[in-house]
């Protein structure tokens, strides 16, 4: 099962790929793919035949695969730590 989100930034919809690699709209099964409820969403989607979902037409923007994981961590102003080795 390959999951994804598509649509304009901030308005992405859940989708999955069918066996032929076509994008299917899964928003009728799960409202969104969010980090907090990802396992539950996956269980619900496993019970669905992807071929029964509507095909996503056109060439929509592919968004981050999971809401809540699309922000990059803040950059640190301190230099990276250097690992020391005791190998002689």
Foldseek 3Di string as FASTA:
>chain_A
DAWFWWDDPPQTFIWGAAPVRFIFGPCVQPVFAAPVCNVVSVVSVVVDHRVVGHTDDDDTGTAGRHPPPRDDDDDDPDDDDDDDDPDD
